[in-house]
């Protein structure tokens, strides 16, 4: 999207012309920037799985001895790989990726039933919280830089 000012503007019209430009910029979608942000979120969640840490940096609780006895040793929250794939790959089974806000944002997650159990815990079954769907400060910073640089350039057509 590019914007141009008329060759001649009366002083009284300048405010209205600039307001129209700002309104168009603010309501315009940013598909390329949004796709890059989506990829950063997916990589960030992948990193959460690899680091086995929650949002505040605390390590996830280890497997219960019963779990290891049933399934053998395996990475935390990755037994079949279905939940991991559903939150790190757009288009994977059970992945939720929904553009929102006129193409200016998106919802991200999974609709695998047991994901919420691990994300938030289930005291009745003695399953601890292992928060994995979040973005850390570094990813949040990268998204901010991306929007500041690529997003604004995409909006104004540079």
N, C-alpha and C. Protein backbone atom coordinates (compact mmCIF):
# COMPACT_ATOMS: atom_id res chain seq x y z
N UNK A 1 0.85 -1.16 0.00
CA UNK A 1 0.00 0.00 0.00
C UNK A 1 0.90 1.23 0.00
N UNK A 2 0.67 2.13 -0.94
CA UNK A 2 1.43 3.37 -0.97
C UNK A 2 0.46 4.53 -0.86
N UNK A 3 0.96 5.63 -0.37
CA UNK A 3 0.15 6.81 -0.18
C UNK A 3 0.83 7.98 -0.85
N UNK A 4 0.03 8.86 -1.40
CA UNK A 4 0.59 10.08 -1.96
C UNK A 4 -0.33 11.24 -1.61
N UNK A 5 0.28 12.35 -1.45
CA UNK A 5 -0.48 13.57 -1.18
C UNK A 5 -0.80 14.25 -2.49
N UNK A 6 -1.96 14.88 -2.59
CA UNK A 6 -2.25 15.66 -3.79
C UNK A 6 -1.19 16.76 -3.97
N UNK A 7 -0.98 17.17 -5.20
CA UNK A 7 0.04 18.19 -5.48
C UNK A 7 -0.26 19.49 -4.75
N UNK A 8 -1.53 19.82 -4.63
CA UNK A 8 -1.90 21.04 -3.92
C UNK A 8 -2.96 20.71 -2.87
N UNK A 9 -2.72 21.17 -1.67
CA UNK A 9 -3.69 20.98 -0.59
C UNK A 9 -3.88 22.32 0.10
N UNK A 10 -5.12 22.69 0.29
CA UNK A 10 -5.39 23.90 1.05
C UNK A 10 -5.05 23.61 2.51
N UNK A 11 -4.54 24.61 3.19
CA UNK A 11 -4.13 24.43 4.57
C UNK A 11 -5.25 23.84 5.41
N UNK A 12 -6.46 24.21 5.20
CA UNK A 12 -7.58 23.70 5.97
C UNK A 12 -7.88 22.23 5.71
N UNK A 13 -7.41 21.70 4.59
CA UNK A 13 -7.66 20.30 4.24
C UNK A 13 -6.55 19.37 4.70
N UNK A 14 -5.39 19.91 5.05
CA UNK A 14 -4.24 19.07 5.38
C UNK A 14 -4.53 18.11 6.53
N UNK A 15 -5.17 18.58 7.57
CA UNK A 15 -5.49 17.72 8.71
C UNK A 15 -6.37 16.55 8.30
N UNK A 16 -7.39 16.80 7.48
CA UNK A 16 -8.30 15.74 7.04
C UNK A 16 -7.57 14.73 6.15
N UNK A 17 -6.68 15.20 5.27
CA UNK A 17 -5.93 14.31 4.38
C UNK A 17 -5.00 13.42 5.20
N UNK A 18 -4.29 14.01 6.15
CA UNK A 18 -3.38 13.23 6.99
C UNK A 18 -4.16 12.23 7.86
N UNK A 19 -5.29 12.65 8.39
CA UNK A 19 -6.11 11.73 9.21
C UNK A 19 -6.58 10.55 8.37
N UNK A 20 -6.97 10.80 7.12
CA UNK A 20 -7.41 9.72 6.23
C UNK A 20 -6.25 8.74 5.99
N UNK A 21 -5.05 9.26 5.79
CA UNK A 21 -3.88 8.39 5.56
C UNK A 21 -3.60 7.53 6.79
N UNK A 22 -3.64 8.14 7.97
CA UNK A 22 -3.39 7.39 9.21
C UNK A 22 -4.44 6.30 9.40
N UNK A 23 -5.70 6.62 9.15
CA UNK A 23 -6.78 5.64 9.29
C UNK A 23 -6.56 4.47 8.33
N UNK A 24 -6.17 4.74 7.10
CA UNK A 24 -5.93 3.67 6.13
C UNK A 24 -4.75 2.80 6.55
N UNK A 25 -3.69 3.43 7.06
CA UNK A 25 -2.51 2.67 7.50
C UNK A 25 -2.87 1.76 8.67
N UNK A 26 -3.56 2.32 9.66
CA UNK A 26 -3.89 1.57 10.87
C UNK A 26 -4.83 0.40 10.58
N UNK A 27 -5.69 0.52 9.60
CA UNK A 27 -6.64 -0.55 9.32
C UNK A 27 -6.17 -1.50 8.22
N UNK A 28 -4.98 -1.32 7.71
CA UNK A 28 -4.49 -2.17 6.62
C UNK A 28 -3.87 -3.46 7.15
N UNK A 29 -4.11 -4.58 6.45
CA UNK A 29 -3.47 -5.84 6.85
C UNK A 29 -1.98 -5.83 6.54
N UNK A 30 -1.26 -6.68 7.23
CA UNK A 30 0.18 -6.83 7.02
C UNK A 30 0.48 -8.31 6.81
N UNK A 31 0.06 -8.91 5.69
CA UNK A 31 0.19 -10.36 5.54
C UNK A 31 1.62 -10.89 5.61
N UNK A 32 2.57 -10.20 5.01
CA UNK A 32 3.96 -10.69 5.03
C UNK A 32 4.55 -10.61 6.44
N UNK A 33 4.31 -9.52 7.11
CA UNK A 33 4.82 -9.36 8.47
C UNK A 33 4.13 -10.34 9.41
N UNK A 34 2.84 -10.52 9.23
CA UNK A 34 2.09 -11.45 10.07
C UNK A 34 2.63 -12.88 9.91
N UNK A 35 2.95 -13.27 8.69
CA UNK A 35 3.50 -14.60 8.46
C UNK A 35 4.86 -14.76 9.16
N UNK A 36 5.67 -13.72 9.13
CA UNK A 36 6.97 -13.78 9.81
C UNK A 36 6.77 -13.86 11.33
N UNK A 37 5.79 -13.12 11.86
CA UNK A 37 5.49 -13.19 13.29
C UNK A 37 5.02 -14.59 13.67
N UNK A 38 4.16 -15.16 12.84
CA UNK A 38 3.67 -16.52 13.08
C UNK A 38 4.84 -17.51 13.16
N UNK A 39 5.80 -17.36 12.25
CA UNK A 39 6.97 -18.25 12.26
C UNK A 39 7.80 -18.05 13.53
N UNK A 40 7.93 -16.81 13.99
CA UNK A 40 8.65 -16.56 15.25
C UNK A 40 7.95 -17.20 16.43
N UNK A 41 6.63 -17.12 16.46
CA UNK A 41 5.87 -17.76 17.55
C UNK A 41 6.09 -19.27 17.53
N UNK A 42 6.01 -19.87 16.35
CA UNK A 42 6.21 -21.33 16.24
C UNK A 42 7.62 -21.71 16.72
N UNK A 43 8.63 -20.95 16.30
CA UNK A 43 10.00 -21.25 16.75
C UNK A 43 10.15 -21.04 18.25
N UNK A 44 9.47 -20.03 18.78
CA UNK A 44 9.52 -19.77 20.21
C UNK A 44 8.93 -20.91 21.02
N UNK A 45 7.81 -21.44 20.56
CA UNK A 45 7.18 -22.56 21.27
C UNK A 45 8.03 -23.82 21.13
N UNK A 46 8.62 -24.02 19.97
CA UNK A 46 9.56 -25.13 19.78
C UNK A 46 10.69 -25.02 20.81
N UNK A 47 11.20 -23.82 20.98
CA UNK A 47 12.27 -23.57 21.96
C UNK A 47 11.81 -23.91 23.38
N UNK A 48 10.56 -23.58 23.71
CA UNK A 48 10.03 -23.90 25.03
C UNK A 48 10.09 -25.41 25.28
N UNK A 49 9.72 -26.19 24.28
CA UNK A 49 9.78 -27.64 24.42
C UNK A 49 11.22 -28.12 24.61
N UNK A 50 12.13 -27.57 23.84
CA UNK A 50 13.52 -28.01 23.92
C UNK A 50 14.16 -27.64 25.26
N UNK A 51 13.80 -26.47 25.78
CA UNK A 51 14.38 -26.00 27.05
C UNK A 51 13.66 -26.59 28.27
N UNK A 52 12.43 -27.09 28.05
CA UNK A 52 11.62 -27.66 29.13
C UNK A 52 11.48 -26.69 30.30
N UNK A 53 11.11 -25.44 29.92
CA UNK A 53 10.97 -24.38 30.92
C UNK A 53 9.62 -23.69 30.77
N UNK A 54 9.12 -23.15 31.89
CA UNK A 54 7.90 -22.37 31.84
C UNK A 54 8.24 -20.90 31.57
N UNK A 55 7.22 -20.06 31.52
CA UNK A 55 7.40 -18.65 31.16
C UNK A 55 8.38 -17.93 32.07
N UNK A 56 8.38 -18.25 33.34
CA UNK A 56 9.27 -17.56 34.28
C UNK A 56 10.67 -18.18 34.33
N UNK A 57 10.92 -19.20 33.50
CA UNK A 57 12.25 -19.80 33.44
C UNK A 57 12.45 -21.01 34.33
N UNK A 58 11.42 -21.40 35.08
CA UNK A 58 11.53 -22.59 35.93
C UNK A 58 11.46 -23.86 35.10
N UNK A 59 12.22 -24.84 35.50
CA UNK A 59 12.23 -26.13 34.79
C UNK A 59 10.91 -26.86 35.00
N UNK A 60 10.46 -27.56 33.97
CA UNK A 60 9.28 -28.40 34.10
C UNK A 60 9.57 -29.53 35.08
N UNK A 61 8.56 -29.96 35.82
CA UNK A 61 8.75 -31.13 36.69
C UNK A 61 9.10 -32.36 35.85
N UNK A 62 9.95 -33.23 36.38
CA UNK A 62 10.34 -34.44 35.62
C UNK A 62 9.16 -35.41 35.50
N UNK A 63 9.35 -36.41 34.64
CA UNK A 63 8.33 -37.46 34.51
C UNK A 63 8.15 -38.16 35.86
N UNK A 64 6.93 -38.61 36.07
CA UNK A 64 6.67 -39.46 37.24
C UNK A 64 7.29 -40.83 36.95
N UNK A 65 7.79 -41.50 37.98
CA UNK A 65 8.35 -42.84 37.77
C UNK A 65 7.38 -43.78 37.04
N UNK A 66 6.08 -43.65 37.32
CA UNK A 66 5.07 -44.48 36.68
C UNK A 66 5.04 -44.24 35.16
N UNK A 67 5.20 -42.97 34.75
CA UNK A 67 5.21 -42.63 33.32
C UNK A 67 6.41 -43.26 32.63
N UNK A 68 7.58 -43.18 33.26
CA UNK A 68 8.79 -43.76 32.67
C UNK A 68 8.65 -45.29 32.59
N UNK A 69 8.05 -45.88 33.62
CA UNK A 69 7.85 -47.33 33.60
C UNK A 69 6.91 -47.75 32.47
N UNK A 70 5.88 -46.93 32.19
CA UNK A 70 4.90 -47.27 31.15
C UNK A 70 5.43 -47.04 29.73
N UNK A 71 6.14 -45.92 29.53
CA UNK A 71 6.51 -45.50 28.18
C UNK A 71 8.02 -45.48 27.92
N UNK A 72 8.80 -45.69 28.94
CA UNK A 72 10.24 -45.58 28.79
C UNK A 72 10.66 -44.12 28.82
N UNK A 73 11.97 -43.86 28.86
CA UNK A 73 12.42 -42.47 28.89
C UNK A 73 12.12 -41.77 27.55
N UNK A 74 11.67 -40.54 27.62
CA UNK A 74 11.39 -39.73 26.43
C UNK A 74 11.35 -38.26 26.85
N UNK A 75 11.52 -37.35 25.89
CA UNK A 75 11.46 -35.92 26.25
C UNK A 75 10.12 -35.57 26.88
N UNK A 76 10.13 -34.64 27.80
CA UNK A 76 8.89 -34.20 28.43
C UNK A 76 7.91 -33.67 27.39
N UNK A 77 6.67 -34.07 27.50
CA UNK A 77 5.55 -33.67 26.65
C UNK A 77 5.69 -34.11 25.20
N UNK A 78 6.66 -34.96 24.89
CA UNK A 78 6.78 -35.44 23.51
C UNK A 78 6.84 -36.96 23.54
N UNK A 79 5.67 -37.57 23.52
CA UNK A 79 5.61 -39.03 23.45
C UNK A 79 5.38 -39.45 22.00
N UNK A 80 4.25 -39.03 21.43
CA UNK A 80 3.99 -39.34 20.02
C UNK A 80 4.45 -38.20 19.11
N UNK A 81 4.58 -37.00 19.67
CA UNK A 81 4.95 -35.83 18.88
C UNK A 81 3.76 -35.05 18.36
N UNK A 82 2.54 -35.57 18.56
CA UNK A 82 1.35 -34.92 18.02
C UNK A 82 1.11 -33.54 18.64
N UNK A 83 1.22 -33.42 19.96
CA UNK A 83 0.97 -32.14 20.61
C UNK A 83 2.05 -31.13 20.22
N UNK A 84 3.29 -31.57 20.23
CA UNK A 84 4.41 -30.71 19.83
C UNK A 84 4.19 -30.17 18.42
N UNK A 85 3.89 -31.06 17.49
CA UNK A 85 3.69 -30.64 16.10
C UNK A 85 2.49 -29.69 15.98
N UNK A 86 1.44 -29.95 16.76
CA UNK A 86 0.23 -29.14 16.64
C UNK A 86 0.43 -27.69 17.08
N UNK A 87 1.44 -27.42 17.89
CA UNK A 87 1.68 -26.04 18.32
C UNK A 87 2.93 -25.42 17.69
N UNK A 88 3.60 -26.16 16.82
CA UNK A 88 4.81 -25.62 16.19
C UNK A 88 4.75 -25.63 14.67
N UNK A 89 3.69 -26.15 14.07
CA UNK A 89 3.61 -26.23 12.61
C UNK A 89 2.23 -25.84 12.11
N UNK A 90 2.17 -24.75 11.35
CA UNK A 90 0.90 -24.32 10.76
C UNK A 90 0.42 -25.41 9.81
N UNK A 91 -0.84 -25.75 9.94
CA UNK A 91 -1.42 -26.75 9.06
C UNK A 91 -1.30 -28.18 9.58
N UNK A 92 -0.55 -28.37 10.66
CA UNK A 92 -0.43 -29.70 11.24
C UNK A 92 -1.78 -30.10 11.83
N UNK A 93 -2.04 -31.40 11.96
CA UNK A 93 -3.30 -31.80 12.60
C UNK A 93 -3.44 -31.14 13.97
N UNK A 94 -4.61 -30.62 14.24
CA UNK A 94 -4.99 -29.99 15.51
C UNK A 94 -4.37 -28.61 15.73
N UNK A 95 -3.60 -28.10 14.78
CA UNK A 95 -3.04 -26.75 14.93
C UNK A 95 -4.15 -25.72 14.80
N UNK A 96 -4.08 -24.71 15.66
CA UNK A 96 -5.01 -23.58 15.56
C UNK A 96 -4.18 -22.37 15.14
N UNK A 97 -4.47 -21.87 13.96
CA UNK A 97 -3.89 -20.61 13.49
C UNK A 97 -5.02 -19.87 12.83
N UNK A 98 -5.48 -18.81 13.47
CA UNK A 98 -6.62 -18.05 12.97
C UNK A 98 -6.26 -16.58 12.86
N UNK A 99 -6.07 -16.08 11.62
CA UNK A 99 -5.85 -14.64 11.46
C UNK A 99 -7.04 -13.87 12.04
N UNK A 100 -6.75 -12.75 12.66
CA UNK A 100 -7.78 -11.94 13.31
C UNK A 100 -7.50 -10.47 13.06
N UNK A 101 -8.43 -9.65 13.46
CA UNK A 101 -8.21 -8.21 13.44
C UNK A 101 -7.86 -7.65 12.08
N UNK A 102 -8.64 -8.00 11.06
CA UNK A 102 -8.40 -7.48 9.72
C UNK A 102 -7.00 -7.82 9.23
N UNK A 103 -6.54 -9.03 9.57
CA UNK A 103 -5.22 -9.45 9.11
C UNK A 103 -4.07 -8.81 9.87
N UNK A 104 -4.33 -8.28 11.07
CA UNK A 104 -3.30 -7.60 11.85
C UNK A 104 -2.87 -8.41 13.07
N UNK A 105 -3.44 -9.59 13.27
CA UNK A 105 -3.08 -10.43 14.41
C UNK A 105 -3.56 -11.84 14.16
N UNK A 106 -3.32 -12.73 15.13
CA UNK A 106 -3.76 -14.11 14.97
C UNK A 106 -3.86 -14.80 16.32
N UNK A 107 -4.69 -15.84 16.33
CA UNK A 107 -4.78 -16.73 17.49
C UNK A 107 -3.92 -17.95 17.17
N UNK A 108 -3.28 -18.50 18.18
CA UNK A 108 -2.36 -19.63 17.98
C UNK A 108 -2.57 -20.64 19.09
N UNK A 109 -2.54 -21.91 18.75
CA UNK A 109 -2.64 -22.93 19.79
C UNK A 109 -2.90 -24.30 19.21
N UNK A 110 -3.53 -25.14 20.01
CA UNK A 110 -3.86 -26.50 19.62
C UNK A 110 -5.22 -26.86 20.18
N UNK A 111 -5.91 -27.75 19.51
CA UNK A 111 -7.17 -28.23 20.07
C UNK A 111 -7.06 -29.69 20.49
N UNK A 112 -5.84 -30.14 20.78
CA UNK A 112 -5.66 -31.46 21.37
C UNK A 112 -6.13 -31.37 22.82
N UNK A 113 -7.05 -32.21 23.19
CA UNK A 113 -7.69 -32.14 24.50
C UNK A 113 -6.69 -32.15 25.65
N UNK A 114 -5.72 -33.03 25.61
CA UNK A 114 -4.82 -33.16 26.75
C UNK A 114 -3.77 -32.04 26.84
N UNK A 115 -3.70 -31.17 25.84
CA UNK A 115 -2.75 -30.05 25.89
C UNK A 115 -3.04 -29.14 27.08
N UNK A 116 -4.31 -28.85 27.31
CA UNK A 116 -4.68 -27.98 28.43
C UNK A 116 -4.29 -28.60 29.76
N UNK A 117 -4.38 -29.91 29.86
CA UNK A 117 -3.98 -30.61 31.09
C UNK A 117 -2.53 -30.32 31.42
N UNK A 118 -1.68 -30.37 30.40
CA UNK A 118 -0.25 -30.14 30.62
C UNK A 118 0.07 -28.65 30.77
N UNK A 119 -0.64 -27.82 30.03
CA UNK A 119 -0.40 -26.37 30.11
C UNK A 119 -0.75 -25.83 31.50
N UNK A 120 -1.86 -26.31 32.06
CA UNK A 120 -2.37 -25.73 33.31
C UNK A 120 -2.31 -26.65 34.53
N UNK A 121 -2.16 -27.93 34.37
CA UNK A 121 -2.07 -29.01 35.38
C UNK A 121 -3.45 -29.59 35.66
N UNK A 122 -3.43 -30.76 36.24
CA UNK A 122 -4.66 -31.43 36.65
C UNK A 122 -4.38 -32.08 38.01
N UNK A 123 -4.76 -31.36 39.06
CA UNK A 123 -4.50 -31.84 40.42
C UNK A 123 -5.20 -33.16 40.72
N UNK A 124 -6.37 -33.37 40.11
CA UNK A 124 -7.11 -34.60 40.40
C UNK A 124 -6.40 -35.85 39.90
N UNK A 125 -5.52 -35.68 38.90
CA UNK A 125 -4.77 -36.82 38.38
C UNK A 125 -3.27 -36.69 38.66
N UNK A 126 -2.92 -35.72 39.49
CA UNK A 126 -1.53 -35.50 39.88
C UNK A 126 -0.62 -35.22 38.67
N UNK A 127 -1.14 -34.44 37.72
CA UNK A 127 -0.35 -34.05 36.55
C UNK A 127 0.08 -32.60 36.76
N UNK A 128 1.39 -32.34 36.82
CA UNK A 128 1.86 -30.98 37.10
C UNK A 128 1.75 -30.07 35.88
N UNK A 129 1.78 -28.78 36.15
CA UNK A 129 1.79 -27.78 35.09
C UNK A 129 3.14 -27.82 34.37
N UNK A 130 3.08 -27.88 33.04
CA UNK A 130 4.26 -27.75 32.18
C UNK A 130 3.87 -26.77 31.06
N UNK A 131 3.93 -25.51 31.40
CA UNK A 131 3.50 -24.45 30.49
C UNK A 131 4.39 -24.45 29.24
N UNK A 132 3.78 -24.55 28.07
CA UNK A 132 4.57 -24.58 26.85
C UNK A 132 4.08 -23.61 25.78
N UNK A 133 2.81 -23.19 25.82
CA UNK A 133 2.31 -22.23 24.83
C UNK A 133 2.45 -20.82 25.41
N UNK A 134 3.58 -20.22 25.11
CA UNK A 134 3.86 -18.84 25.49
C UNK A 134 5.03 -18.37 24.63
N UNK A 135 5.26 -17.07 24.60
CA UNK A 135 6.46 -16.56 23.95
C UNK A 135 7.30 -15.88 25.02
N UNK A 136 8.59 -16.13 24.97
CA UNK A 136 9.49 -15.55 25.96
C UNK A 136 9.85 -14.12 25.59
N UNK A 137 10.61 -13.46 26.46
CA UNK A 137 10.97 -12.06 26.24
C UNK A 137 11.73 -11.86 24.93
N UNK A 138 12.64 -12.76 24.62
CA UNK A 138 13.43 -12.64 23.40
C UNK A 138 12.55 -12.70 22.16
N UNK A 139 11.62 -13.66 22.13
CA UNK A 139 10.71 -13.78 20.99
C UNK A 139 9.80 -12.56 20.91
N UNK A 140 9.33 -12.10 22.06
CA UNK A 140 8.48 -10.91 22.10
C UNK A 140 9.24 -9.70 21.55
N UNK A 141 10.50 -9.56 21.91
CA UNK A 141 11.34 -8.48 21.42
C UNK A 141 11.52 -8.59 19.90
N UNK A 142 11.78 -9.81 19.41
CA UNK A 142 11.96 -10.02 17.97
C UNK A 142 10.70 -9.67 17.20
N UNK A 143 9.54 -10.02 17.75
CA UNK A 143 8.28 -9.68 17.10
C UNK A 143 8.10 -8.16 17.07
N UNK A 144 8.42 -7.49 18.17
CA UNK A 144 8.34 -6.03 18.21
C UNK A 144 9.23 -5.38 17.17
N UNK A 145 10.45 -5.87 17.04
CA UNK A 145 11.37 -5.33 16.03
C UNK A 145 10.85 -5.59 14.62
N UNK A 146 10.31 -6.77 14.41
CA UNK A 146 9.79 -7.13 13.10
C UNK A 146 8.64 -6.20 12.71
N UNK A 147 7.73 -5.95 13.64
CA UNK A 147 6.61 -5.06 13.36
C UNK A 147 7.11 -3.63 13.14
N UNK A 148 8.06 -3.22 13.97
CA UNK A 148 8.60 -1.87 13.85
C UNK A 148 9.28 -1.65 12.50
N UNK A 149 10.00 -2.65 12.02
CA UNK A 149 10.74 -2.49 10.77
C UNK A 149 9.93 -2.96 9.56
N UNK A 150 9.68 -4.26 9.46
CA UNK A 150 9.00 -4.81 8.29
C UNK A 150 7.53 -4.39 8.23
N UNK A 151 6.86 -4.40 9.38
CA UNK A 151 5.44 -4.09 9.39
C UNK A 151 5.14 -2.68 8.93
N UNK A 152 5.87 -1.74 9.45
CA UNK A 152 5.62 -0.34 9.05
C UNK A 152 5.98 -0.15 7.58
N UNK A 153 7.08 -0.77 7.15
CA UNK A 153 7.45 -0.67 5.73
C UNK A 153 6.36 -1.29 4.85
N UNK A 154 5.81 -2.43 5.29
CA UNK A 154 4.74 -3.07 4.51
C UNK A 154 3.49 -2.20 4.47
N UNK A 155 3.18 -1.56 5.58
CA UNK A 155 1.98 -0.72 5.64
C UNK A 155 2.07 0.50 4.75
N UNK A 156 3.24 1.11 4.70
CA UNK A 156 3.35 2.35 3.90
C UNK A 156 3.88 2.09 2.51
N UNK A 157 4.17 0.81 2.19
CA UNK A 157 4.56 0.46 0.84
C UNK A 157 5.99 0.76 0.48
N UNK A 158 6.86 0.73 1.46
CA UNK A 158 8.29 1.00 1.19
C UNK A 158 9.00 -0.28 0.82
